[in-house]
Amino acid sequence: MPAGYAADRTGRYWLITFIGYVINLFAVPAMALAGSWQVAAALVLAERIGRALRKPTVEAMLSYTTGELGKGWVYALNTSLDEIGATLGPLIIALVLLLKGDFRTGYAFLTISAVMALVALVVARVSFPLPSRLGQGDTAPAKDFGKAYWLYMLAGALFAAGLMSFELISYHLTKAKITSEQWIPVMLAISTGFGVLANLAFGKAYDRIGLPVVIAAVSVSAAFSPFRVSRRFLACAVRHAALGRRLRDPRHATQGDRR
């Protein structure tokens, strides 16, 4: 929230985006240097803070392209590219473990992708210094949030409260000896990989159908929550493949309406 407010007040969308990405990108490879759980926890928190900083500004800049490309498709494509990275990361870790390496080495290798992502961001900044020029027509005037907005936010908060993060799920899977730790990054890669396909399909469908697609995505995603603590490895794998971590992300398509 502070990041979005500061960006609107100052107009420094790119600056806040860069700050968020630097924190977000390099907090994960820095896990290779973590010598205690306290340091690891701090880095996980830093990664989340970085994401929270860059997410509002990125989506604000993307909103200028929704008039031409479609709200659902723009945010679906953005999330899918994000998920491709989230698929490759665990696969890199899994490969390192397969080659008899450890998690510390795997996290260190992620520095390469972090640098590449930052380079891509620099290219985007040079190519599109003023994203507002990509918009077609006038943007929506600033006004107070209405009842519909707050109901949507409340629904999103309640939905998120009923979900369980993959970190907690993976801890349960290994602690209960449902699967070995080598399979954890593979399962994460499977879920995010199918999430890419789900994002694109639901995003395109949103542009054609609208709100019913959001309701369907949220309902299907929520229905799988009870299976998150299943003791069967196969059931967990199938659930992740069918669901995808970001099946609910077509919700973001509605954000373009608020720009």
C-alpha atoms as a PDB file:
ATOM      1  CA  MET A   1       0.000   0.000   0.000  1.00  0.00           C
ATOM      2  CA  PRO A   2       2.727   2.580   0.847  1.00  0.00           C
ATOM      3  CA  ALA A   3       4.518   1.802  -2.427  1.00  0.00           C
ATOM      4  CA  GLY A   4       1.448   2.443  -4.561  1.00  0.00           C
ATOM      5  CA  TYR A   5       0.591   5.619  -2.666  1.00  0.00           C
ATOM      6  CA  ALA A   6       4.154   6.938  -2.931  1.00  0.00           C
ATOM      7  CA  ALA A   7       4.267   6.171  -6.659  1.00  0.00           C
ATOM      8  CA  ASP A   8       1.023   8.065  -7.288  1.00  0.00           C
ATOM      9  CA  ARG A   9       2.201  11.038  -5.231  1.00  0.00           C
ATOM     10  CA  THR A  10       5.687  11.295  -6.718  1.00  0.00           C
ATOM     11  CA  GLY A  11       5.284   9.763 -10.169  1.00  0.00           C
ATOM     12  CA  ARG A  12       8.456   7.725  -9.564  1.00  0.00           C
ATOM     13  CA  TYR A  13       6.996   4.434 -10.732  1.00  0.00           C
ATOM     14  CA  TRP A  14      10.213   3.151 -12.241  1.00  0.00           C
ATOM     15  CA  LEU A  15      12.336   4.076  -9.208  1.00  0.00           C
ATOM     16  CA  ILE A  16      10.069   2.240  -6.778  1.00  0.00           C
ATOM     17  CA  THR A  17       9.883  -0.680  -9.203  1.00  0.00           C
ATOM     18  CA  PHE A  18      13.664  -0.960  -9.328  1.00  0.00           C
ATOM     19  CA  ILE A  19      13.993  -0.803  -5.540  1.00  0.00           C
ATOM     20  CA  GLY A  20      11.388  -3.525  -5.146  1.00  0.00           C
ATOM     21  CA  TYR A  21      12.944  -5.766  -7.782  1.00  0.00           C
ATOM     22  CA  VAL A  22      16.473  -5.478  -6.368  1.00  0.00           C
ATOM     23  CA  ILE A  23      15.245  -6.540  -2.928  1.00  0.00           C
ATOM     24  CA  ASN A  24      12.918  -9.187  -4.333  1.00  0.00           C
ATOM     25  CA  LEU A  25      15.432 -10.699  -6.755  1.00  0.00           C
ATOM     26  CA  PHE A  26      18.543 -10.887  -4.603  1.00  0.00           C
ATOM     27  CA  ALA A  27      16.956 -11.919  -1.315  1.00  0.00           C
ATOM     28  CA  VAL A  28      16.498 -15.461  -2.671  1.00  0.00           C
ATOM     29  CA  PRO A  29      20.102 -16.113  -3.845  1.00  0.00           C
ATOM     30  CA  ALA A  30      21.260 -14.568  -0.567  1.00  0.00           C
ATOM     31  CA  MET A  31      19.779 -17.632   1.154  1.00  0.00           C
ATOM     32  CA  ALA A  32      23.057 -19.321   0.187  1.00  0.00           C
ATOM     33  CA  LEU A  33      24.742 -17.144   2.805  1.00  0.00           C
ATOM     34  CA  ALA A  34      22.200 -17.754   5.553  1.00  0.00           C
ATOM     35  CA  GLY A  35      23.905 -19.348   8.521  1.00  0.00           C
ATOM     36  CA  SER A  36      20.893 -19.577  10.789  1.00  0.00           C
ATOM     37  CA  TRP A  37      17.125 -19.823  10.595  1.00  0.00           C
ATOM     38  CA  GLN A  38      16.857 -16.231  11.802  1.00  0.00           C
ATOM     39  CA  VAL A  39      18.831 -14.967   8.801  1.00  0.00           C
ATOM     40  CA  ALA A  40      16.836 -17.194   6.464  1.00  0.00           C
ATOM     41  CA  ALA A  41      13.573 -15.884   7.921  1.00  0.00           C
ATOM     42  CA  ALA A  42      14.763 -12.301   7.476  1.00  0.00           C
ATOM     43  CA  LEU A  43      15.593 -12.982   3.828  1.00  0.00           C
ATOM     44  CA  VAL A  44      12.180 -14.559   3.226  1.00  0.00           C
ATOM     45  CA  LEU A  45      10.616 -11.452   4.745  1.00  0.00           C
ATOM     46  CA  ALA A  46      12.812  -9.219   2.576  1.00  0.00           C
ATOM     47  CA  GLU A  47      11.755 -11.123  -0.537  1.00  0.00           C
ATOM     48  CA  ARG A  48       8.093 -10.570   0.317  1.00  0.00           C
ATOM     49  CA  ILE A  49       8.694  -6.867   1.051  1.00  0.00           C
ATOM     50  CA  GLY A  50      10.460  -6.439  -2.278  1.00  0.00           C
ATOM     51  CA  ARG A  51       7.555  -8.054  -4.080  1.00  0.00           C
ATOM     52  CA  ALA A  52       5.101  -5.836  -2.214  1.00  0.00           C
ATOM     53  CA  LEU A  53       7.060  -2.758  -3.288  1.00  0.00           C
ATOM     54  CA  ARG A  54       7.254  -3.542  -6.989  1.00  0.00           C
ATOM     55  CA  LYS A  55       3.861  -5.215  -7.523  1.00  0.00           C
ATOM     56  CA  PRO A  56       1.631  -2.083  -7.362  1.00  0.00           C
ATOM     57  CA  THR A  57       3.897   0.010  -9.576  1.00  0.00           C
ATOM     58  CA  VAL A  58       4.346  -2.738 -12.174  1.00  0.00           C
ATOM     59  CA  GLU A  59       0.606  -3.301 -12.434  1.00  0.00           C
ATOM     60  CA  ALA A  60      -0.033   0.430 -12.596  1.00  0.00           C
ATOM     61  CA  MET A  61       2.316   0.729 -15.579  1.00  0.00           C
ATOM     62  CA  LEU A  62       0.821  -2.361 -17.211  1.00  0.00           C
ATOM     63  CA  SER A  63      -2.662  -0.879 -16.906  1.00  0.00           C
ATOM     64  CA  TYR A  64      -1.850   1.582 -19.696  1.00  0.00           C
ATOM     65  CA  THR A  65      -1.702  -1.301 -22.178  1.00  0.00           C
ATOM     66  CA  THR A  66      -5.039  -2.878 -21.214  1.00  0.00           C
ATOM     67  CA  GLY A  67      -7.051  -0.651 -23.544  1.00  0.00           C
ATOM     68  CA  GLU A  68      -5.394  -2.178 -26.602  1.00  0.00           C
ATOM     69  CA  LEU A  69      -4.488  -5.682 -25.430  1.00  0.00           C
ATOM     70  CA  GLY A  70      -7.287  -6.484 -22.969  1.00  0.00           C
ATOM     71  CA  LYS A  71      -7.298  -6.416 -19.184  1.00  0.00           C
ATOM     72  CA  GLY A  72      -7.330 -10.170 -18.716  1.00  0.00           C
ATOM     73  CA  TRP A  73      -4.634 -10.882 -21.282  1.00  0.00           C
ATOM     74  CA  VAL A  74      -2.207  -8.213 -20.053  1.00  0.00           C
ATOM     75  CA  TYR A  75      -2.229  -9.362 -16.445  1.00  0.00           C
ATOM     76  CA  ALA A  76      -2.376 -13.035 -17.402  1.00  0.00           C
ATOM     77  CA  LEU A  77       0.705 -12.680 -19.604  1.00  0.00           C
ATOM     78  CA  ASN A  78       2.553 -10.760 -16.895  1.00  0.00           C
ATOM     79  CA  THR A  79       1.747 -13.386 -14.260  1.00  0.00           C
ATOM     80  CA  SER A  80       2.597 -16.231 -16.646  1.00  0.00           C
ATOM     81  CA  LEU A  81       6.052 -14.813 -17.324  1.00  0.00           C
ATOM     82  CA  ASP A  82       6.493 -14.475 -13.578  1.00  0.00           C
ATOM     83  CA  GLU A  83       5.419 -18.102 -13.171  1.00  0.00           C
ATOM     84  CA  ILE A  84       7.835 -19.292 -15.861  1.00  0.00           C
ATOM     85  CA  GLY A  85      10.622 -17.936 -13.709  1.00  0.00           C
ATOM     86  CA  ALA A  86       9.035 -19.551 -10.675  1.00  0.00           C
ATOM     87  CA  THR A  87       9.036 -22.847 -12.589  1.00  0.00           C
ATOM     88  CA  LEU A  88      12.651 -22.669 -13.736  1.00  0.00           C
ATOM     89  CA  GLY A  89      13.959 -21.711 -10.291  1.00  0.00           C
ATOM     90  CA  PRO A  90      12.832 -24.902  -8.527  1.00  0.00           C
ATOM     91  CA  LEU A  91      14.008 -26.996 -11.486  1.00  0.00           C
ATOM     92  CA  ILE A  92      17.478 -25.471 -11.139  1.00  0.00           C
ATOM     93  CA  ILE A  93      17.453 -26.347  -7.447  1.00  0.00           C
ATOM     94  CA  ALA A  94      16.255 -29.880  -8.252  1.00  0.00           C
ATOM     95  CA  LEU A  95      19.047 -30.298 -10.825  1.00  0.00           C
ATOM     96  CA  VAL A  96      21.657 -29.187  -8.296  1.00  0.00           C
ATOM     97  CA  LEU A  97      20.303 -31.689  -5.765  1.00  0.00           C
ATOM     98  CA  LEU A  98      20.290 -34.416  -8.423  1.00  0.00           C
ATOM     99  CA  LEU A  99      23.967 -33.718  -9.090  1.00  0.00           C
ATOM    100  CA  LYS A 100      24.671 -34.259  -5.380  1.00  0.00           C
ATOM    101  CA  GLY A 101      24.795 -30.582  -4.573  1.00  0.00           C
ATOM    102  CA  ASP A 102      22.986 -28.899  -1.704  1.00  0.00           C
ATOM    103  CA  PHE A 103      20.406 -26.141  -1.302  1.00  0.00           C
ATOM    104  CA  ARG A 104      23.133 -23.574  -0.599  1.00  0.00           C
ATOM    105  CA  THR A 105      24.697 -24.214  -4.002  1.00  0.00           C
ATOM    106  CA  GLY A 106      21.303 -24.156  -5.683  1.00  0.00           C
ATOM    107  CA  TYR A 107      20.422 -20.782  -4.209  1.00  0.00           C
ATOM    108  CA  ALA A 108      23.791 -19.420  -5.317  1.00  0.00           C
ATOM    109  CA  PHE A 109      23.027 -20.425  -8.921  1.00  0.00           C
ATOM    110  CA  LEU A 110      19.849 -18.334  -8.792  1.00  0.00           C
ATOM    111  CA  THR A 111      22.045 -15.222  -8.767  1.00  0.00           C
ATOM    112  CA  ILE A 112      22.385 -15.665 -12.542  1.00  0.00           C
ATOM    113  CA  SER A 113      18.646 -15.436 -13.169  1.00  0.00           C
ATOM    114  CA  ALA A 114      18.378 -12.501 -10.754  1.00  0.00           C
ATOM    115  CA  VAL A 115      20.969 -10.541 -12.745  1.00  0.00           C
ATOM    116  CA  MET A 116      19.248 -11.427 -16.039  1.00  0.00           C
ATOM    117  CA  ALA A 117      15.918 -10.211 -14.684  1.00  0.00           C
ATOM    118  CA  LEU A 118      17.466  -6.932 -13.610  1.00  0.00           C
ATOM    119  CA  VAL A 119      18.995  -6.467 -17.065  1.00  0.00           C
ATOM    120  CA  ALA A 120      15.576  -7.057 -18.645  1.00  0.00           C
ATOM    121  CA  LEU A 121      14.112  -4.432 -16.328  1.00  0.00           C
ATOM    122  CA  VAL A 122      16.748  -1.922 -17.426  1.00  0.00           C
ATOM    123  CA  VAL A 123      15.897  -2.621 -21.078  1.00  0.00           C
ATOM    124  CA  ALA A 124      12.201  -2.061 -20.321  1.00  0.00           C
ATOM    125  CA  ARG A 125      13.009   1.232 -18.578  1.00  0.00           C
ATOM    126  CA  VAL A 126      15.064   2.465 -21.537  1.00  0.00           C
ATOM    127  CA  SER A 127      12.447   1.346 -24.074  1.00  0.00           C
ATOM    128  CA  PHE A 128       9.411   2.710 -22.223  1.00  0.00           C
ATOM    129  CA  PRO A 129      10.484   5.567 -19.939  1.00  0.00           C
ATOM    130  CA  LEU A 130       6.904   6.878 -19.800  1.00  0.00           C
ATOM    131  CA  PRO A 131       4.443   3.968 -19.776  1.00  0.00           C
ATOM    132  CA  SER A 132       1.515   6.398 -19.744  1.00  0.00           C
ATOM    133  CA  ARG A 133       2.190   7.077 -23.432  1.00  0.00           C
ATOM    134  CA  LEU A 134       1.127   3.510 -24.188  1.00  0.00           C
ATOM    135  CA  GLY A 135      -2.408   4.207 -23.019  1.00  0.00           C
ATOM    136  CA  GLN A 136      -5.270   4.800 -25.412  1.00  0.00           C
ATOM    137  CA  GLY A 137      -7.537   7.632 -24.297  1.00  0.00           C
ATOM    138  CA  ASP A 138      -7.764   9.289 -20.911  1.00  0.00           C
ATOM    139  CA  THR A 139      -7.149   7.356 -17.721  1.00  0.00           C
ATOM    140  CA  ALA A 140      -9.823   7.066 -15.065  1.00  0.00           C
ATOM    141  CA  PRO A 141      -9.999  10.125 -12.783  1.00  0.00           C
ATOM    142  CA  ALA A 142      -8.887   9.706  -9.182  1.00  0.00           C
ATOM    143  CA  LYS A 143     -11.742   9.243  -6.727  1.00  0.00           C
ATOM    144  CA  ASP A 144     -12.552   7.575  -3.433  1.00  0.00           C
ATOM    145  CA  PHE A 145     -12.907   3.819  -3.326  1.00  0.00           C
ATOM    146  CA  GLY A 146     -16.523   2.749  -3.523  1.00  0.00           C
ATOM    147  CA  LYS A 147     -18.462  -0.022  -1.825  1.00  0.00           C
ATOM    148  CA  ALA A 148     -17.750  -2.493  -4.624  1.00  0.00           C
ATOM    149  CA  TYR A 149     -14.012  -2.000  -4.187  1.00  0.00           C
ATOM    150  CA  TRP A 150     -14.067  -2.670  -0.453  1.00  0.00           C
ATOM    151  CA  LEU A 151     -16.272  -5.736  -0.901  1.00  0.00           C
ATOM    152  CA  TYR A 152     -13.788  -7.036  -3.457  1.00  0.00           C
ATOM    153  CA  MET A 153     -10.887  -6.400  -1.076  1.00  0.00           C
ATOM    154  CA  LEU A 154     -12.719  -8.143   1.763  1.00  0.00           C
ATOM    155  CA  ALA A 155     -13.410 -11.147  -0.444  1.00  0.00           C
ATOM    156  CA  GLY A 156      -9.752 -11.271  -1.483  1.00  0.00           C
ATOM    157  CA  ALA A 157      -8.585 -11.108   2.134  1.00  0.00           C
ATOM    158  CA  LEU A 158     -10.926 -13.900   3.217  1.00  0.00           C
ATOM    159  CA  PHE A 159      -9.864 -15.993   0.242  1.00  0.00           C
ATOM    160  CA  ALA A 160      -6.180 -15.520   1.059  1.00  0.00           C
ATOM    161  CA  ALA A 161      -6.809 -16.384   4.721  1.00  0.00           C
ATOM    162  CA  GLY A 162      -8.103 -19.785   3.647  1.00  0.00           C
ATOM    163  CA  LEU A 163      -5.043 -20.640   1.588  1.00  0.00           C
ATOM    164  CA  MET A 164      -1.799 -22.249   2.682  1.00  0.00           C
ATOM    165  CA  SER A 165       1.622 -21.228   1.374  1.00  0.00           C
ATOM    166  CA  PHE A 166       3.789 -23.765  -0.398  1.00  0.00           C
ATOM    167  CA  GLU A 167       6.502 -23.270   2.226  1.00  0.00           C
ATOM    168  CA  LEU A 168       4.166 -24.660   4.874  1.00  0.00           C
ATOM    169  CA  ILE A 169       2.941 -27.408   2.550  1.00  0.00           C
ATOM    170  CA  SER A 170       6.489 -28.505   1.716  1.00  0.00           C
ATOM    171  CA  TYR A 171       7.373 -28.548   5.408  1.00  0.00           C
ATOM    172  CA  HIS A 172       4.382 -30.811   6.064  1.00  0.00           C
ATOM    173  CA  LEU A 173       5.268 -33.122   3.177  1.00  0.00           C
ATOM    174  CA  THR A 174       8.831 -33.662   4.390  1.00  0.00           C
ATOM    175  CA  LYS A 175       8.051 -33.695   8.117  1.00  0.00           C
ATOM    176  CA  ALA A 176       5.304 -36.303   7.651  1.00  0.00           C
ATOM    177  CA  LYS A 177       7.674 -38.248   5.348  1.00  0.00           C
ATOM    178  CA  ILE A 178       5.172 -38.117   2.510  1.00  0.00           C
ATOM    179  CA  THR A 179       8.006 -37.341   0.116  1.00  0.00           C
ATOM    180  CA  SER A 180      11.739 -36.619   0.207  1.00  0.00           C
ATOM    181  CA  GLU A 181      13.134 -33.111   0.051  1.00  0.00           C
ATOM    182  CA  GLN A 182      14.474 -33.694  -3.469  1.00  0.00           C
ATOM    183  CA  TRP A 183      10.897 -33.869  -4.752  1.00  0.00           C
ATOM    184  CA  ILE A 184       9.812 -30.554  -3.185  1.00  0.00           C
ATOM    185  CA  PRO A 185      11.267 -28.257  -5.883  1.00  0.00           C
ATOM    186  CA  VAL A 186       9.941 -30.599  -8.590  1.00  0.00           C
ATOM    187  CA  MET A 187       6.424 -30.409  -7.167  1.00  0.00           C
ATOM    188  CA  LEU A 188       6.697 -26.628  -6.979  1.00  0.00           C
ATOM    189  CA  ALA A 189       7.818 -26.514 -10.607  1.00  0.00           C
ATOM    190  CA  ILE A 190       4.874 -28.712 -11.654  1.00  0.00           C
ATOM    191  CA  SER A 191       2.352 -26.479  -9.920  1.00  0.00           C
ATOM    192  CA  THR A 192       3.773 -23.251 -11.312  1.00  0.00           C
ATOM    193  CA  GLY A 193       4.123 -24.772 -14.780  1.00  0.00           C
ATOM    194  CA  PHE A 194       0.440 -25.637 -14.925  1.00  0.00           C
ATOM    195  CA  GLY A 195      -0.260 -22.223 -13.409  1.00  0.00           C
ATOM    196  CA  VAL A 196       1.248 -20.630 -16.525  1.00  0.00           C
ATOM    197  CA  LEU A 197      -1.273 -22.406 -18.738  1.00  0.00           C
ATOM    198  CA  ALA A 198      -4.133 -21.601 -16.370  1.00  0.00           C
ATOM    199  CA  ASN A 199      -3.211 -17.911 -16.307  1.00  0.00           C
ATOM    200  CA  LEU A 200      -3.241 -17.580 -20.080  1.00  0.00           C
ATOM    201  CA  ALA A 201      -6.485 -19.495 -20.496  1.00  0.00           C
ATOM    202  CA  PHE A 202      -8.361 -17.695 -17.733  1.00  0.00           C
ATOM    203  CA  GLY A 203      -6.973 -14.294 -18.732  1.00  0.00           C
ATOM    204  CA  LYS A 204      -8.157 -14.694 -22.307  1.00  0.00           C
ATOM    205  CA  ALA A 205     -11.510 -15.986 -21.096  1.00  0.00           C
ATOM    206  CA  TYR A 206     -11.927 -12.975 -18.803  1.00  0.00           C
ATOM    207  CA  ASP A 207     -11.687 -10.580 -21.740  1.00  0.00           C
ATOM    208  CA  ARG A 208     -14.489 -12.480 -23.479  1.00  0.00           C
ATOM    209  CA  ILE A 209     -16.763 -13.468 -20.586  1.00  0.00           C
ATOM    210  CA  GLY A 210     -15.899 -11.204 -17.669  1.00  0.00           C
ATOM    211  CA  LEU A 211     -16.671 -11.656 -13.977  1.00  0.00           C
ATOM    212  CA  PRO A 212     -17.973 -15.273 -14.143  1.00  0.00           C
ATOM    213  CA  VAL A 213     -14.423 -16.357 -15.018  1.00  0.00           C
ATOM    214  CA  VAL A 214     -13.104 -14.780 -11.807  1.00  0.00           C
ATOM    215  CA  ILE A 215     -15.792 -16.522  -9.750  1.00  0.00           C
ATOM    216  CA  ALA A 216     -15.018 -19.864 -11.393  1.00  0.00           C
ATOM    217  CA  ALA A 217     -11.255 -19.522 -10.857  1.00  0.00           C
ATOM    218  CA  VAL A 218     -11.608 -18.587  -7.200  1.00  0.00           C
ATOM    219  CA  SER A 219     -14.151 -21.341  -6.536  1.00  0.00           C
ATOM    220  CA  VAL A 220     -12.010 -24.060  -8.123  1.00  0.00           C
ATOM    221  CA  SER A 221      -8.897 -22.863  -6.310  1.00  0.00           C
ATOM    222  CA  ALA A 222     -10.652 -22.721  -2.928  1.00  0.00           C
ATOM    223  CA  ALA A 223     -12.133 -26.199  -3.391  1.00  0.00           C
ATOM    224  CA  PHE A 224      -8.671 -27.747  -3.359  1.00  0.00           C
ATOM    225  CA  SER A 225      -7.612 -26.299   0.010  1.00  0.00           C
ATOM    226  CA  PRO A 226      -8.697 -29.351   2.078  1.00  0.00           C
ATOM    227  CA  PHE A 227      -6.387 -31.567   0.004  1.00  0.00           C
ATOM    228  CA  ARG A 228      -3.278 -29.559   0.903  1.00  0.00           C
ATOM    229  CA  VAL A 229      -2.509 -31.850   3.830  1.00  0.00           C
ATOM    230  CA  SER A 230      -3.174 -35.111   2.009  1.00  0.00           C
ATOM    231  CA  ARG A 231      -0.849 -37.910   3.059  1.00  0.00           C
ATOM    232  CA  ARG A 232      -0.623 -39.315  -0.429  1.00  0.00           C
ATOM    233  CA  PHE A 233       2.246 -38.088  -2.539  1.00  0.00           C
ATOM    234  CA  LEU A 234       0.384 -38.773  -5.795  1.00  0.00           C
ATOM    235  CA  ALA A 235      -2.679 -36.884  -4.592  1.00  0.00           C
ATOM    236  CA  CYS A 236      -0.498 -33.885  -3.779  1.00  0.00           C
ATOM    237  CA  ALA A 237       1.172 -33.990  -7.180  1.00  0.00           C
ATOM    238  CA  VAL A 238      -2.124 -34.271  -9.041  1.00  0.00           C
ATOM    239  CA  ARG A 239      -3.623 -31.479  -6.970  1.00  0.00           C
ATOM    240  CA  HIS A 240      -0.764 -29.125  -7.779  1.00  0.00           C
ATOM    241  CA  ALA A 241      -0.859 -30.038 -11.454  1.00  0.00           C
ATOM    242  CA  ALA A 242      -4.591 -29.488 -11.709  1.00  0.00           C
ATOM    243  CA  LEU A 243      -4.644 -26.322  -9.696  1.00  0.00           C
ATOM    244  CA  GLY A 244      -1.462 -24.416 -10.391  1.00  0.00           C
ATOM    245  CA  ARG A 245      -0.332 -22.022  -7.693  1.00  0.00           C
ATOM    246  CA  ARG A 246      -1.788 -19.045  -9.521  1.00  0.00           C
ATOM    247  CA  LEU A 247      -5.056 -20.313 -10.867  1.00  0.00           C
ATOM    248  CA  ARG A 248      -6.735 -17.470  -9.019  1.00  0.00           C
ATOM    249  CA  ASP A 249      -4.568 -14.759 -10.619  1.00  0.00           C
ATOM    250  CA  PRO A 250      -7.054 -13.751 -13.336  1.00  0.00           C
ATOM    251  CA  ARG A 251      -8.512 -11.699 -10.472  1.00  0.00           C
ATOM    252  CA  HIS A 252      -5.785  -9.199 -11.234  1.00  0.00           C
ATOM    253  CA  ALA A 253      -7.429  -8.465 -14.543  1.00  0.00           C
ATOM    254  CA  THR A 254     -10.012  -6.361 -12.753  1.00  0.00           C
ATOM    255  CA  GLN A 255      -7.291  -4.050 -11.517  1.00  0.00           C
ATOM    256  CA  GLY A 256      -7.218  -2.366 -14.879  1.00  0.00           C
ATOM    257  CA  ASP A 257     -10.729  -1.100 -14.159  1.00  0.00           C
ATOM    258  CA  ARG A 258      -9.420   0.881 -11.238  1.00  0.00           C
ATOM    259  CA  ARG A 259      -6.675   2.764 -13.053  1.00  0.00           C
END
